[in-house]
Amino acid sequence: MTSLTMIIGMLPLMFASGVGANGSRTIGVCVVGGMLFGTLGLLLTVPVLFVVFQKIQERVRKNKSIQ
């Protein structure tokens, strides 16, 4: 939710016009792109890692209970 708010807040920088617009656009594109990439990366990476570590934990516990 906060990422979406920041992305929406940076949209005026991406579409800036007038004096200094080149610098504003550059910063806006970098910030919005980074936030989108980071947010999507976390939304995909964290659940996958959770499942992987959960499976590892189940295997380790299963092996300990057998011995």
Protein backbone atom coordinates (compact mmCIF):
# COMPACT_ATOMS: atom_id res chain seq x y z
CA MET A 1 0.00 0.00 0.00
CA THR A 2 2.79 2.45 0.83
CA SER A 3 4.64 1.46 -2.33
CA LEU A 4 1.57 2.19 -4.41
CA THR A 5 1.21 5.55 -2.71
CA MET A 6 4.82 6.44 -3.45
CA ILE A 7 4.50 5.34 -7.07
CA ILE A 8 1.36 7.44 -7.53
CA GLY A 9 3.05 10.37 -5.78
CA MET A 10 6.01 10.21 -8.17
CA LEU A 11 3.89 10.19 -11.34
CA PRO A 12 3.89 14.01 -11.59
CA LEU A 13 7.69 13.89 -11.71
CA MET A 14 7.55 11.43 -14.60
CA PHE A 15 5.24 13.68 -16.61
CA ALA A 16 6.87 16.99 -15.66
CA SER A 17 7.16 19.77 -18.18
CA GLY A 18 8.79 23.15 -18.12
CA VAL A 19 12.09 24.30 -16.71
CA GLY A 20 14.17 21.44 -15.30
CA ALA A 21 11.81 18.80 -16.67
CA ASN A 22 14.66 16.57 -17.85
CA GLY A 23 16.00 16.13 -14.35
CA SER A 24 12.55 15.64 -12.88
CA ARG A 25 11.61 13.03 -15.49
CA THR A 26 14.84 11.14 -14.94
CA ILE A 27 14.35 11.00 -11.18
CA GLY A 28 10.67 10.13 -11.56
CA VAL A 29 11.31 7.27 -13.97
CA CYS A 30 14.08 5.85 -11.78
CA VAL A 31 12.05 6.03 -8.58
CA VAL A 32 8.86 4.62 -10.10
CA GLY A 33 10.73 1.88 -11.95
CA GLY A 34 12.69 0.91 -8.86
CA MET A 35 9.62 0.82 -6.67
CA LEU A 36 7.70 -1.28 -9.20
CA PHE A 37 10.60 -3.69 -9.65
CA GLY A 38 11.21 -3.97 -5.92
CA THR A 39 7.56 -4.41 -5.03
CA LEU A 40 6.93 -7.05 -7.67
CA GLY A 41 10.18 -8.79 -6.77
CA LEU A 42 9.20 -9.00 -3.13
CA LEU A 43 5.66 -10.10 -3.91
CA LEU A 44 7.05 -13.00 -5.93
CA THR A 45 10.21 -13.85 -3.99
CA VAL A 46 8.99 -13.93 -0.39
CA PRO A 47 6.19 -16.50 -0.90
CA VAL A 48 8.47 -18.74 -2.96
CA LEU A 49 11.20 -18.62 -0.32
CA PHE A 50 8.63 -19.31 2.40
CA VAL A 51 7.47 -22.46 0.63
CA VAL A 52 11.05 -23.62 0.01
CA PHE A 53 12.10 -23.14 3.64
CA GLN A 54 8.87 -24.74 4.87
CA LYS A 55 9.60 -27.87 2.81
CA ILE A 56 13.18 -27.97 4.12
CA GLN A 57 11.93 -27.64 7.69
CA GLU A 58 9.42 -30.45 7.20
CA ARG A 59 12.14 -32.74 5.81
CA VAL A 60 14.50 -31.98 8.69
CA ARG A 61 11.80 -32.56 11.32
CA LYS A 62 10.73 -35.78 9.61
CA ASN A 63 14.30 -37.08 9.65
CA LYS A 64 14.75 -36.17 13.33
CA SER A 65 11.58 -37.99 14.38
CA ILE A 66 12.65 -41.17 12.55
CA GLN A 67 15.99 -41.40 14.33
